[in-house]
């Protein structure tokens, strides 16, 4: 009986294997994460759980996270509630639209195969 050895993984910041775009829907933040390599989608789906994303945004007041998987793109769409301090019309926040808030997600560490990491990293 032979056992296959899993390929060695590497721990990197999410921005090394994916890019993101963020925007607002009232007091909701919408963050779309797209892996650079489609093969990374499954590994990222196991690590970018709604619970982990909620924990990452807890300091901003997030109360819930819903993840929508789009495997044919491949991409993930996260809808994060109550994170924009009232939204663009109700907040004194410098970034009421939440455009810069994707950096919080892109800073999370993930374990991936080395070939999925951008060569410039």
PDB file of N, CA and C in Angstrom:
ATOM      1  N   UNK A   1       0.845  -1.178   0.000  1.00  0.00           N
ATOM      2  CA  UNK A   1       0.000   0.000   0.000  1.00  0.00           C
ATOM      3  C   UNK A   1       0.888   1.238   0.000  1.00  0.00           C
ATOM      4  N   UNK A   2       0.621   2.162  -0.887  1.00  0.00           N
ATOM      5  CA  UNK A   2       1.411   3.394  -0.949  1.00  0.00           C
ATOM      6  C   UNK A   2       0.575   4.558  -0.456  1.00  0.00           C
ATOM      7  N   UNK A   3       1.260   5.472   0.191  1.00  0.00           N
ATOM      8  CA  UNK A   3       0.607   6.684   0.672  1.00  0.00           C
ATOM      9  C   UNK A   3       1.212   7.864  -0.065  1.00  0.00           C
ATOM     10  N   UNK A   4       0.366   8.736  -0.559  1.00  0.00           N
ATOM     11  CA  UNK A   4       0.893   9.930  -1.211  1.00  0.00           C
ATOM     12  C   UNK A   4       1.176  10.989  -0.151  1.00  0.00           C
ATOM     13  N   UNK A   5       2.286  11.644  -0.322  1.00  0.00           N
ATOM     14  CA  UNK A   5       2.668  12.706   0.600  1.00  0.00           C
ATOM     15  C   UNK A   5       2.072  14.006   0.100  1.00  0.00           C
ATOM     16  N   UNK A   6       1.372  14.743   0.958  1.00  0.00           N
ATOM     17  CA  UNK A   6       0.810  16.016   0.498  1.00  0.00           C
ATOM     18  C   UNK A   6       1.924  16.994   0.131  1.00  0.00           C
ATOM     19  N   UNK A   7       1.655  17.801  -0.865  1.00  0.00           N
ATOM     20  CA  UNK A   7       2.637  18.803  -1.284  1.00  0.00           C
ATOM     21  C   UNK A   7       2.876  19.781  -0.141  1.00  0.00           C
ATOM     22  N   UNK A   8       4.120  20.224   0.036  1.00  0.00           N
ATOM     23  CA  UNK A   8       4.396  21.178   1.117  1.00  0.00           C
ATOM     24  C   UNK A   8       3.711  22.511   0.848  1.00  0.00           C
ATOM     25  N   UNK A   9       3.161  23.076   1.892  1.00  0.00           N
ATOM     26  CA  UNK A   9       2.492  24.366   1.735  1.00  0.00           C
ATOM     27  C   UNK A   9       3.356  25.471   2.319  1.00  0.00           C
ATOM     28  N   UNK A  10       2.956  26.668   2.026  1.00  0.00           N
ATOM     29  CA  UNK A  10       3.675  27.862   2.448  1.00  0.00           C
ATOM     30  C   UNK A  10       2.654  28.816   3.057  1.00  0.00           C
ATOM     31  N   UNK A  11       2.989  29.435   4.183  1.00  0.00           N
ATOM     32  CA  UNK A  11       2.088  30.399   4.824  1.00  0.00           C
ATOM     33  C   UNK A  11       2.441  31.795   4.308  1.00  0.00           C
ATOM     34  N   UNK A  12       1.460  32.453   3.711  1.00  0.00           N
ATOM     35  CA  UNK A  12       1.665  33.780   3.127  1.00  0.00           C
ATOM     36  C   UNK A  12       0.446  34.651   3.414  1.00  0.00           C
ATOM     37  N   UNK A  13       0.602  35.938   3.203  1.00  0.00           N
ATOM     38  CA  UNK A  13      -0.545  36.847   3.273  1.00  0.00           C
ATOM     39  C   UNK A  13      -1.444  36.582   2.069  1.00  0.00           C
ATOM     40  N   UNK A  14      -2.741  36.712   2.273  1.00  0.00           N
ATOM     41  CA  UNK A  14      -3.700  36.455   1.202  1.00  0.00           C
ATOM     42  C   UNK A  14      -3.391  37.266  -0.048  1.00  0.00           C
ATOM     43  N   UNK A  15      -2.883  38.494   0.111  1.00  0.00           N
ATOM     44  CA  UNK A  15      -2.605  39.321  -1.070  1.00  0.00           C
ATOM     45  C   UNK A  15      -1.540  38.715  -1.975  1.00  0.00           C
ATOM     46  N   UNK A  16      -0.803  37.720  -1.485  1.00  0.00           N
ATOM     47  CA  UNK A  16       0.196  37.043  -2.309  1.00  0.00           C
ATOM     48  C   UNK A  16      -0.431  36.060  -3.294  1.00  0.00           C
ATOM     49  N   UNK A  17      -1.680  35.674  -3.044  1.00  0.00           N
ATOM     50  CA  UNK A  17      -2.337  34.685  -3.902  1.00  0.00           C
ATOM     51  C   UNK A  17      -3.695  35.143  -4.440  1.00  0.00           C
ATOM     52  N   UNK A  18      -4.128  36.353  -4.039  1.00  0.00           N
ATOM     53  CA  UNK A  18      -5.446  36.826  -4.477  1.00  0.00           C
ATOM     54  C   UNK A  18      -5.497  38.351  -4.445  1.00  0.00           C
ATOM     55  N   UNK A  19      -6.432  38.887  -5.180  1.00  0.00           N
ATOM     56  CA  UNK A  19      -6.700  40.325  -5.088  1.00  0.00           C
ATOM     57  C   UNK A  19      -8.148  40.503  -4.656  1.00  0.00           C
ATOM     58  N   UNK A  20      -8.496  41.732  -4.304  1.00  0.00           N
ATOM     59  CA  UNK A  20      -9.834  41.977  -3.765  1.00  0.00           C
ATOM     60  C   UNK A  20     -10.339  43.347  -4.183  1.00  0.00           C
ATOM     61  N   UNK A  21     -11.635  43.484  -4.111  1.00  0.00           N
ATOM     62  CA  UNK A  21     -12.303  44.762  -4.379  1.00  0.00           C
ATOM     63  C   UNK A  21     -13.395  44.907  -3.334  1.00  0.00           C
ATOM     64  N   UNK A  22     -13.495  46.086  -2.771  1.00  0.00           N
ATOM     65  CA  UNK A  22     -14.479  46.326  -1.711  1.00  0.00           C
ATOM     66  C   UNK A  22     -15.378  47.499  -2.066  1.00  0.00           C
ATOM     67  N   UNK A  23     -16.563  47.485  -1.513  1.00  0.00           N
ATOM     68  CA  UNK A  23     -17.505  48.574  -1.692  1.00  0.00           C
ATOM     69  C   UNK A  23     -18.577  48.501  -0.626  1.00  0.00           C
ATOM     70  N   UNK A  24     -19.487  49.456  -0.668  1.00  0.00           N
ATOM     71  CA  UNK A  24     -20.497  49.535   0.385  1.00  0.00           C
ATOM     72  C   UNK A  24     -21.893  49.293  -0.150  1.00  0.00           C
ATOM     73  N   UNK A  25     -22.725  48.840   0.730  1.00  0.00           N
ATOM     74  CA  UNK A  25     -24.174  48.744   0.524  1.00  0.00           C
ATOM     75  C   UNK A  25     -24.791  49.199   1.836  1.00  0.00           C
ATOM     76  N   UNK A  26     -24.895  50.504   2.025  1.00  0.00           N
ATOM     77  CA  UNK A  26     -25.371  51.034   3.301  1.00  0.00           C
ATOM     78  C   UNK A  26     -24.318  50.813   4.365  1.00  0.00           C
ATOM     79  N   UNK A  27     -24.686  50.120   5.426  1.00  0.00           N
ATOM     80  CA  UNK A  27     -23.748  49.825   6.505  1.00  0.00           C
ATOM     81  C   UNK A  27     -23.089  48.460   6.313  1.00  0.00           C
ATOM     82  N   UNK A  28     -23.236  47.901   5.123  1.00  0.00           N
ATOM     83  CA  UNK A  28     -22.630  46.609   4.791  1.00  0.00           C
ATOM     84  C   UNK A  28     -21.412  46.823   3.907  1.00  0.00           C
ATOM     85  N   UNK A  29     -20.395  46.042   4.192  1.00  0.00           N
ATOM     86  CA  UNK A  29     -19.204  46.033   3.346  1.00  0.00           C
ATOM     87  C   UNK A  29     -19.274  44.800   2.465  1.00  0.00           C
ATOM     88  N   UNK A  30     -18.998  44.982   1.207  1.00  0.00           N
ATOM     89  CA  UNK A  30     -18.988  43.907   0.232  1.00  0.00           C
ATOM     90  C   UNK A  30     -17.544  43.753  -0.238  1.00  0.00           C
ATOM     91  N   UNK A  31     -16.929  42.585  -0.005  1.00  0.00           N
ATOM     92  CA  UNK A  31     -15.545  42.354  -0.431  1.00  0.00           C
ATOM     93  C   UNK A  31     -15.518  41.118  -1.319  1.00  0.00           C
ATOM     94  N   UNK A  32     -15.037  41.295  -2.535  1.00  0.00           N
ATOM     95  CA  UNK A  32     -14.879  40.185  -3.464  1.00  0.00           C
ATOM     96  C   UNK A  32     -13.399  39.812  -3.496  1.00  0.00           C
ATOM     97  N   UNK A  33     -13.094  38.539  -3.284  1.00  0.00           N
ATOM     98  CA  UNK A  33     -11.720  38.033  -3.293  1.00  0.00           C
ATOM     99  C   UNK A  33     -11.576  37.086  -4.478  1.00  0.00           C
ATOM    100  N   UNK A  34     -10.557  37.341  -5.317  1.00  0.00           N
ATOM    101  CA  UNK A  34     -10.331  36.537  -6.509  1.00  0.00           C
ATOM    102  C   UNK A  34      -8.908  35.995  -6.507  1.00  0.00           C
ATOM    103  N   UNK A  35      -8.738  34.672  -6.422  1.00  0.00           N
ATOM    104  CA  UNK A  35      -7.385  34.120  -6.468  1.00  0.00           C
ATOM    105  C   UNK A  35      -6.756  34.350  -7.841  1.00  0.00           C
ATOM    106  N   UNK A  36      -5.441  34.600  -7.834  1.00  0.00           N
ATOM    107  CA  UNK A  36      -4.721  34.767  -9.097  1.00  0.00           C
ATOM    108  C   UNK A  36      -4.706  33.465  -9.889  1.00  0.00           C
ATOM    109  N   UNK A  37      -4.674  32.335  -9.187  1.00  0.00           N
ATOM    110  CA  UNK A  37      -4.637  31.021  -9.806  1.00  0.00           C
ATOM    111  C   UNK A  37      -5.923  30.287  -9.418  1.00  0.00           C
ATOM    112  N   UNK A  38      -6.681  29.849 -10.403  1.00  0.00           N
ATOM    113  CA  UNK A  38      -7.956  29.177 -10.134  1.00  0.00           C
ATOM    114  C   UNK A  38      -7.785  27.928  -9.274  1.00  0.00           C
ATOM    115  N   UNK A  39      -6.619  27.303  -9.337  1.00  0.00           N
ATOM    116  CA  UNK A  39      -6.384  26.092  -8.546  1.00  0.00           C
ATOM    117  C   UNK A  39      -6.359  26.376  -7.047  1.00  0.00           C
ATOM    118  N   UNK A  40      -6.172  27.618  -6.663  1.00  0.00           N
ATOM    119  CA  UNK A  40      -6.126  27.981  -5.241  1.00  0.00           C
ATOM    120  C   UNK A  40      -7.518  28.108  -4.626  1.00  0.00           C
ATOM    121  N   UNK A  41      -8.554  28.097  -5.442  1.00  0.00           N
ATOM    122  CA  UNK A  41      -9.913  28.343  -4.947  1.00  0.00           C
ATOM    123  C   UNK A  41     -10.309  27.389  -3.822  1.00  0.00           C
ATOM    124  N   UNK A  42     -10.097  26.088  -4.017  1.00  0.00           N
ATOM    125  CA  UNK A  42     -10.528  25.116  -3.011  1.00  0.00           C
ATOM    126  C   UNK A  42      -9.779  25.301  -1.695  1.00  0.00           C
ATOM    127  N   UNK A  43      -8.470  25.494  -1.770  1.00  0.00           N
ATOM    128  CA  UNK A  43      -7.684  25.693  -0.545  1.00  0.00           C
ATOM    129  C   UNK A  43      -8.131  26.952   0.185  1.00  0.00           C
ATOM    130  N   UNK A  44      -8.401  28.016  -0.554  1.00  0.00           N
ATOM    131  CA  UNK A  44      -8.852  29.259   0.074  1.00  0.00           C
ATOM    132  C   UNK A  44     -10.251  29.100   0.659  1.00  0.00           C
ATOM    133  N   UNK A  45     -11.090  28.305   0.008  1.00  0.00           N
ATOM    134  CA  UNK A  45     -12.453  28.127   0.531  1.00  0.00           C
ATOM    135  C   UNK A  45     -12.442  27.463   1.906  1.00  0.00           C
ATOM    136  N   UNK A  46     -11.448  26.638   2.170  1.00  0.00           N
ATOM    137  CA  UNK A  46     -11.342  25.984   3.478  1.00  0.00           C
ATOM    138  C   UNK A  46     -10.825  26.928   4.558  1.00  0.00           C
ATOM    139  N   UNK A  47     -10.118  27.982   4.145  1.00  0.00           N
ATOM    140  CA  UNK A  47      -9.473  28.873   5.104  1.00  0.00           C
ATOM    141  C   UNK A  47     -10.188  30.206   5.291  1.00  0.00           C
ATOM    142  N   UNK A  48     -10.862  30.681   4.264  1.00  0.00           N
ATOM    143  CA  UNK A  48     -11.566  31.971   4.346  1.00  0.00           C
ATOM    144  C   UNK A  48     -13.019  31.729   4.753  1.00  0.00           C
ATOM    145  N   UNK A  49     -13.189  31.239   5.943  1.00  0.00           N
ATOM    146  CA  UNK A  49     -14.531  30.938   6.441  1.00  0.00           C
ATOM    147  C   UNK A  49     -15.215  32.221   6.907  1.00  0.00           C
ATOM    148  N   UNK A  50     -16.541  32.242   6.908  1.00  0.00           N
ATOM    149  CA  UNK A  50     -17.241  33.414   7.442  1.00  0.00           C
ATOM    150  C   UNK A  50     -16.829  33.730   8.881  1.00  0.00           C
ATOM    151  N   UNK A  51     -16.576  32.702   9.672  1.00  0.00           N
ATOM    152  CA  UNK A  51     -16.171  32.915  11.067  1.00  0.00           C
ATOM    153  C   UNK A  51     -14.812  33.613  11.151  1.00  0.00           C
ATOM    154  N   UNK A  52     -13.898  33.202  10.305  1.00  0.00           N
ATOM    155  CA  UNK A  52     -12.567  33.825  10.320  1.00  0.00           C
ATOM    156  C   UNK A  52     -12.634  35.273   9.836  1.00  0.00           C
ATOM    157  N   UNK A  53     -13.428  35.514   8.813  1.00  0.00           N
ATOM    158  CA  UNK A  53     -13.581  36.880   8.300  1.00  0.00           C
ATOM    159  C   UNK A  53     -14.269  37.759   9.344  1.00  0.00           C
ATOM    160  N   UNK A  54     -15.273  37.230  10.023  1.00  0.00           N
ATOM    161  CA  UNK A  54     -15.937  37.992  11.088  1.00  0.00           C
ATOM    162  C   UNK A  54     -14.937  38.367  12.176  1.00  0.00           C
ATOM    163  N   UNK A  55     -14.081  37.440  12.546  1.00  0.00           N
ATOM    164  CA  UNK A  55     -13.060  37.721  13.559  1.00  0.00           C
ATOM    165  C   UNK A  55     -12.107  38.822  13.080  1.00  0.00           C
ATOM    166  N   UNK A  56     -11.752  38.798  11.802  1.00  0.00           N
ATOM    167  CA  UNK A  56     -10.836  39.803  11.259  1.00  0.00           C
ATOM    168  C   UNK A  56     -11.440  41.203  11.288  1.00  0.00           C
ATOM    169  N   UNK A  57     -12.758  41.299  11.136  1.00  0.00           N
ATOM    170  CA  UNK A  57     -13.438  42.597  11.108  1.00  0.00           C
ATOM    171  C   UNK A  57     -14.120  42.945  12.431  1.00  0.00           C
ATOM    172  N   UNK A  58     -13.927  42.145  13.453  1.00  0.00           N
ATOM    173  CA  UNK A  58     -14.582  42.382  14.748  1.00  0.00           C
ATOM    174  C   UNK A  58     -14.230  43.749  15.322  1.00  0.00           C
ATOM    175  N   UNK A  59     -12.987  44.183  15.150  1.00  0.00           N
ATOM    176  CA  UNK A  59     -12.574  45.484  15.693  1.00  0.00           C
ATOM    177  C   UNK A  59     -13.288  46.648  15.011  1.00  0.00           C
ATOM    178  N   UNK A  60     -13.900  46.405  13.861  1.00  0.00           N
ATOM    179  CA  UNK A  60     -14.656  47.433  13.145  1.00  0.00           C
ATOM    180  C   UNK A  60     -16.149  47.362  13.474  1.00  0.00           C
ATOM    181  N   UNK A  61     -16.544  46.440  14.349  1.00  0.00           N
ATOM    182  CA  UNK A  61     -17.939  46.334  14.756  1.00  0.00           C
ATOM    183  C   UNK A  61     -18.770  45.356  13.954  1.00  0.00           C
ATOM    184  N   UNK A  62     -18.146  44.540  13.124  1.00  0.00           N
ATOM    185  CA  UNK A  62     -18.884  43.580  12.298  1.00  0.00           C
ATOM    186  C   UNK A  62     -19.717  42.649  13.168  1.00  0.00           C
ATOM    187  N   UNK A  63     -20.945  42.375  12.706  1.00  0.00           N
ATOM    188  CA  UNK A  63     -21.842  41.504  13.471  1.00  0.00           C
ATOM    189  C   UNK A  63     -22.140  40.184  12.767  1.00  0.00           C
ATOM    190  N   UNK A  64     -21.983  40.134  11.461  1.00  0.00           N
ATOM    191  CA  UNK A  64     -22.196  38.875  10.738  1.00  0.00           C
ATOM    192  C   UNK A  64     -21.501  38.938   9.382  1.00  0.00           C
ATOM    193  N   UNK A  65     -21.200  37.750   8.863  1.00  0.00           N
ATOM    194  CA  UNK A  65     -20.561  37.628   7.547  1.00  0.00           C
ATOM    195  C   UNK A  65     -21.261  36.518   6.780  1.00  0.00           C
ATOM    196  N   UNK A  66     -21.584  36.800   5.541  1.00  0.00           N
ATOM    197  CA  UNK A  66     -22.137  35.794   4.633  1.00  0.00           C
ATOM    198  C   UNK A  66     -21.157  35.655   3.475  1.00  0.00           C
ATOM    199  N   UNK A  67     -20.780  34.416   3.157  1.00  0.00           N
ATOM    200  CA  UNK A  67     -19.868  34.180   2.038  1.00  0.00           C
ATOM    201  C   UNK A  67     -20.631  33.536   0.890  1.00  0.00           C
ATOM    202  N   UNK A  68     -20.453  34.093  -0.300  1.00  0.00           N
ATOM    203  CA  UNK A  68     -21.018  33.531  -1.514  1.00  0.00           C
ATOM    204  C   UNK A  68     -19.860  33.001  -2.350  1.00  0.00           C
ATOM    205  N   UNK A  69     -19.894  31.716  -2.675  1.00  0.00           N
ATOM    206  CA  UNK A  69     -18.847  31.097  -3.480  1.00  0.00           C
ATOM    207  C   UNK A  69     -19.211  31.187  -4.954  1.00  0.00           C
ATOM    208  N   UNK A  70     -18.243  31.589  -5.753  1.00  0.00           N
ATOM    209  CA  UNK A  70     -18.417  31.702  -7.195  1.00  0.00           C
ATOM    210  C   UNK A  70     -17.301  30.901  -7.862  1.00  0.00           C
ATOM    211  N   UNK A  71     -17.367  29.569  -7.821  1.00  0.00           N
ATOM    212  CA  UNK A  71     -16.252  28.741  -8.268  1.00  0.00           C
ATOM    213  C   UNK A  71     -15.931  28.834  -9.755  1.00  0.00           C
ATOM    214  N   UNK A  72     -16.874  29.209 -10.579  1.00  0.00           N
ATOM    215  CA  UNK A  72     -16.596  29.294 -12.010  1.00  0.00           C
ATOM    216  C   UNK A  72     -15.818  30.551 -12.388  1.00  0.00           C
ATOM    217  N   UNK A  73     -15.758  31.548 -11.507  1.00  0.00           N
ATOM    218  CA  UNK A  73     -15.004  32.771 -11.830  1.00  0.00           C
ATOM    219  C   UNK A  73     -13.492  32.611 -11.680  1.00  0.00           C
ATOM    220  N   UNK A  74     -12.895  32.122 -10.721  1.00  0.00           N
ATOM    221  CA  UNK A  74     -13.301  31.786  -9.362  1.00  0.00           C
ATOM    222  C   UNK A  74     -13.206  33.005  -8.453  1.00  0.00           C
ATOM    223  N   UNK A  75     -14.113  33.085  -7.490  1.00  0.00           N
ATOM    224  CA  UNK A  75     -14.112  34.222  -6.564  1.00  0.00           C
ATOM    225  C   UNK A  75     -14.987  33.903  -5.358  1.00  0.00           C
ATOM    226  N   UNK A  76     -14.801  34.712  -4.321  1.00  0.00           N
ATOM    227  CA  UNK A  76     -15.646  34.672  -3.131  1.00  0.00           C
ATOM    228  C   UNK A  76     -16.188  36.076  -2.933  1.00  0.00           C
ATOM    229  N   UNK A  77     -17.445  36.181  -2.576  1.00  0.00           N
ATOM    230  CA  UNK A  77     -18.020  37.474  -2.248  1.00  0.00           C
ATOM    231  C   UNK A  77     -18.446  37.430  -0.781  1.00  0.00           C
ATOM    232  N   UNK A  78     -17.872  38.316   0.020  1.00  0.00           N
ATOM    233  CA  UNK A  78     -18.203  38.397   1.441  1.00  0.00           C
ATOM    234  C   UNK A  78     -19.063  39.627   1.683  1.00  0.00           C
ATOM    235  N   UNK A  79     -20.171  39.446   2.381  1.00  0.00           N
ATOM    236  CA  UNK A  79     -21.023  40.552   2.792  1.00  0.00           C
ATOM    237  C   UNK A  79     -20.899  40.638   4.310  1.00  0.00           C
ATOM    238  N   UNK A  80     -20.369  41.769   4.779  1.00  0.00           N
ATOM    239  CA  UNK A  80     -20.046  41.946   6.193  1.00  0.00           C
ATOM    240  C   UNK A  80     -20.947  43.043   6.754  1.00  0.00           C
ATOM    241  N   UNK A  81     -21.770  42.687   7.728  1.00  0.00           N
ATOM    242  CA  UNK A  81     -22.761  43.617   8.282  1.00  0.00           C
ATOM    243  C   UNK A  81     -22.198  44.498   9.389  1.00  0.00           C
ATOM    244  N   UNK A  82     -22.683  45.749   9.401  1.00  0.00           N
ATOM    245  CA  UNK A  82     -22.429  46.729  10.470  1.00  0.00           C
ATOM    246  C   UNK A  82     -20.957  47.064  10.665  1.00  0.00           C
ATOM    247  N   UNK A  83     -20.240  47.178   9.570  1.00  0.00           N
ATOM    248  CA  UNK A  83     -18.804  47.422   9.654  1.00  0.00           C
ATOM    249  C   UNK A  83     -18.419  48.843   9.222  1.00  0.00           C
ATOM    250  N   UNK A  84     -19.358  49.599   8.671  1.00  0.00           N
ATOM    251  CA  UNK A  84     -19.021  50.912   8.106  1.00  0.00           C
ATOM    252  C   UNK A  84     -19.485  52.089   8.957  1.00  0.00           C
ATOM    253  N   UNK A  85     -19.700  51.857  10.226  1.00  0.00           N
ATOM    254  CA  UNK A  85     -20.073  52.927  11.163  1.00  0.00           C
ATOM    255  C   UNK A  85     -21.270  53.736  10.666  1.00  0.00           C
ATOM    256  N   UNK A  86     -22.250  53.057  10.106  1.00  0.00           N
ATOM    257  CA  UNK A  86     -23.452  53.725   9.627  1.00  0.00           C
ATOM    258  C   UNK A  86     -23.497  53.925   8.129  1.00  0.00           C
ATOM    259  N   UNK A  87     -22.410  53.722   7.437  1.00  0.00           N
ATOM    260  CA  UNK A  87     -22.381  53.884   5.989  1.00  0.00           C
ATOM    261  C   UNK A  87     -22.019  55.294   5.576  1.00  0.00           C
ATOM    262  N   UNK A  88     -21.978  55.514   4.285  1.00  0.00           N
ATOM    263  CA  UNK A  88     -21.480  56.775   3.736  1.00  0.00           C
ATOM    264  C   UNK A  88     -22.284  57.987   4.200  1.00  0.00           C
ATOM    265  N   UNK A  89     -23.581  57.852   4.376  1.00  0.00           N
ATOM    266  CA  UNK A  89     -24.406  58.995   4.770  1.00  0.00           C
ATOM    267  C   UNK A  89     -24.517  59.186   6.270  1.00  0.00           C
ATOM    268  N   UNK A  90     -24.110  58.186   7.050  1.00  0.00           N
ATOM    269  CA  UNK A  90     -24.273  58.288   8.492  1.00  0.00           C
ATOM    270  C   UNK A  90     -22.986  58.221   9.278  1.00  0.00           C
ATOM    271  N   UNK A  91     -21.858  58.355   8.611  1.00  0.00           N
ATOM    272  CA  UNK A  91     -20.580  58.161   9.288  1.00  0.00           C
ATOM    273  C   UNK A  91     -19.641  59.328   9.035  1.00  0.00           C
ATOM    274  N   UNK A  92     -18.822  59.616  10.019  1.00  0.00           N
ATOM    275  CA  UNK A  92     -17.752  60.600   9.844  1.00  0.00           C
ATOM    276  C   UNK A  92     -16.458  59.918   9.420  1.00  0.00           C
ATOM    277  N   UNK A  93     -16.535  58.637   9.167  1.00  0.00           N
ATOM    278  CA  UNK A  93     -15.398  57.836   8.737  1.00  0.00           C
ATOM    279  C   UNK A  93     -14.805  58.422   7.451  1.00  0.00           C
ATOM    280  N   UNK A  94     -13.491  58.453   7.350  1.00  0.00           N
ATOM    281  CA  UNK A  94     -12.842  58.975   6.148  1.00  0.00           C
ATOM    282  C   UNK A  94     -13.126  58.129   4.917  1.00  0.00           C
ATOM    283  N   UNK A  95     -13.422  56.864   5.119  1.00  0.00           N
ATOM    284  CA  UNK A  95     -13.710  55.958   4.011  1.00  0.00           C
ATOM    285  C   UNK A  95     -15.106  55.370   4.189  1.00  0.00           C
ATOM    286  N   UNK A  96     -16.109  56.201   4.069  1.00  0.00           N
ATOM    287  CA  UNK A  96     -17.487  55.771   4.283  1.00  0.00           C
ATOM    288  C   UNK A  96     -17.954  54.696   3.322  1.00  0.00           C
ATOM    289  N   UNK A  97     -17.356  54.644   2.137  1.00  0.00           N
ATOM    290  CA  UNK A  97     -17.718  53.620   1.155  1.00  0.00           C
ATOM    291  C   UNK A  97     -17.019  52.292   1.422  1.00  0.00           C
ATOM    292  N   UNK A  98     -16.010  52.293   2.280  1.00  0.00           N
ATOM    293  CA  UNK A  98     -15.312  51.057   2.624  1.00  0.00           C
ATOM    294  C   UNK A  98     -14.355  50.545   1.570  1.00  0.00           C
ATOM    295  N   UNK A  99     -13.989  51.381   0.608  1.00  0.00           N
ATOM    296  CA  UNK A  99     -13.134  50.937  -0.496  1.00  0.00           C
ATOM    297  C   UNK A  99     -11.781  50.407  -0.033  1.00  0.00           C
ATOM    298  N   UNK A 100     -11.247  50.970   1.041  1.00  0.00           N
ATOM    299  CA  UNK A 100      -9.920  50.540   1.498  1.00  0.00           C
ATOM    300  C   UNK A 100      -9.976  49.365   2.469  1.00  0.00           C
ATOM    301  N   UNK A 101     -11.162  48.915   2.827  1.00  0.00           N
ATOM    302  CA  UNK A 101     -11.289  47.863   3.838  1.00  0.00           C
ATOM    303  C   UNK A 101     -10.930  46.464   3.361  1.00  0.00           C
ATOM    304  N   UNK A 102     -10.651  46.291   2.085  1.00  0.00           N
ATOM    305  CA  UNK A 102     -10.223  44.964   1.631  1.00  0.00           C
ATOM    306  C   UNK A 102      -8.853  44.609   2.189  1.00  0.00           C
ATOM    307  N   UNK A 103      -8.066  45.616   2.596  1.00  0.00           N
ATOM    308  CA  UNK A 103      -6.724  45.326   3.111  1.00  0.00           C
ATOM    309  C   UNK A 103      -6.780  44.456   4.364  1.00  0.00           C
ATOM    310  N   UNK A 104      -7.865  44.546   5.119  1.00  0.00           N
ATOM    311  CA  UNK A 104      -7.993  43.720   6.328  1.00  0.00           C
ATOM    312  C   UNK A 104      -8.036  42.244   5.937  1.00  0.00           C
ATOM    313  N   UNK A 105      -8.827  41.941   4.934  1.00  0.00           N
ATOM    314  CA  UNK A 105      -8.931  40.561   4.458  1.00  0.00           C
ATOM    315  C   UNK A 105      -7.643  40.118   3.764  1.00  0.00           C
ATOM    316  N   UNK A 106      -7.075  40.988   2.948  1.00  0.00           N
ATOM    317  CA  UNK A 106      -5.856  40.635   2.214  1.00  0.00           C
ATOM    318  C   UNK A 106      -4.648  40.439   3.122  1.00  0.00           C
ATOM    319  N   UNK A 107      -4.730  40.918   4.356  1.00  0.00           N
ATOM    320  CA  UNK A 107      -3.645  40.736   5.310  1.00  0.00           C
ATOM    321  C   UNK A 107      -3.704  39.425   6.071  1.00  0.00           C
ATOM    322  N   UNK A 108      -4.806  38.681   5.946  1.00  0.00           N
ATOM    323  CA  UNK A 108      -4.903  37.383   6.619  1.00  0.00           C
ATOM    324  C   UNK A 108      -3.873  36.422   6.037  1.00  0.00           C
ATOM    325  N   UNK A 109      -3.367  35.513   6.863  1.00  0.00           N
ATOM    326  CA  UNK A 109      -2.432  34.511   6.356  1.00  0.00           C
ATOM    327  C   UNK A 109      -3.195  33.260   5.933  1.00  0.00           C
ATOM    328  N   UNK A 110      -2.686  32.643   4.880  1.00  0.00           N
ATOM    329  CA  UNK A 110      -3.265  31.410   4.350  1.00  0.00           C
ATOM    330  C   UNK A 110      -2.131  30.447   4.024  1.00  0.00           C
ATOM    331  N   UNK A 111      -2.437  29.165   4.048  1.00  0.00           N
ATOM    332  CA  UNK A 111      -1.479  28.127   3.672  1.00  0.00           C
ATOM    333  C   UNK A 111      -1.810  27.666   2.262  1.00  0.00           C
ATOM    334  N   UNK A 112      -0.833  27.825   1.356  1.00  0.00           N
ATOM    335  CA  UNK A 112      -1.056  27.513  -0.055  1.00  0.00           C
ATOM    336  C   UNK A 112       0.179  26.832  -0.638  1.00  0.00           C
ATOM    337  N   UNK A 113       0.014  26.273  -1.812  1.00  0.00           N
ATOM    338  CA  UNK A 113       1.156  25.709  -2.522  1.00  0.00           C
ATOM    339  C   UNK A 113       2.050  26.840  -3.022  1.00  0.00           C
ATOM    340  N   UNK A 114       3.357  26.661  -2.984  1.00  0.00           N
ATOM    341  CA  UNK A 114       4.276  27.729  -3.405  1.00  0.00           C
ATOM    342  C   UNK A 114       4.035  28.227  -4.829  1.00  0.00           C
ATOM    343  N   UNK A 115       3.587  27.353  -5.720  1.00  0.00           N
ATOM    344  CA  UNK A 115       3.388  27.785  -7.112  1.00  0.00           C
ATOM    345  C   UNK A 115       2.202  28.735  -7.282  1.00  0.00           C
ATOM    346  N   UNK A 116       1.378  28.887  -6.256  1.00  0.00           N
ATOM    347  CA  UNK A 116       0.258  29.822  -6.330  1.00  0.00           C
ATOM    348  C   UNK A 116       0.641  31.224  -5.886  1.00  0.00           C
ATOM    349  N   UNK A 117       1.818  31.385  -5.321  1.00  0.00           N
ATOM    350  CA  UNK A 117       2.266  32.678  -4.799  1.00  0.00           C
ATOM    351  C   UNK A 117       2.851  33.494  -5.944  1.00  0.00           C
ATOM    352  N   UNK A 118       2.510  34.775  -5.978  1.00  0.00           N
ATOM    353  CA  UNK A 118       3.059  35.650  -7.011  1.00  0.00           C
ATOM    354  C   UNK A 118       4.574  35.618  -6.978  1.00  0.00           C
ATOM    355  N   UNK A 119       5.203  35.598  -8.130  1.00  0.00           N
ATOM    356  CA  UNK A 119       6.663  35.521  -8.220  1.00  0.00           C
ATOM    357  C   UNK A 119       7.347  36.719  -7.588  1.00  0.00           C
ATOM    358  N   UNK A 120       6.677  37.858  -7.546  1.00  0.00           N
ATOM    359  CA  UNK A 120       7.292  39.077  -7.006  1.00  0.00           C
ATOM    360  C   UNK A 120       7.339  39.092  -5.488  1.00  0.00           C
ATOM    361  N   UNK A 121       6.711  38.131  -4.830  1.00  0.00           N
ATOM    362  CA  UNK A 121       6.671  38.124  -3.362  1.00  0.00           C
ATOM    363  C   UNK A 121       7.954  37.596  -2.771  1.00  0.00           C
TER     364      UNK A 121
END
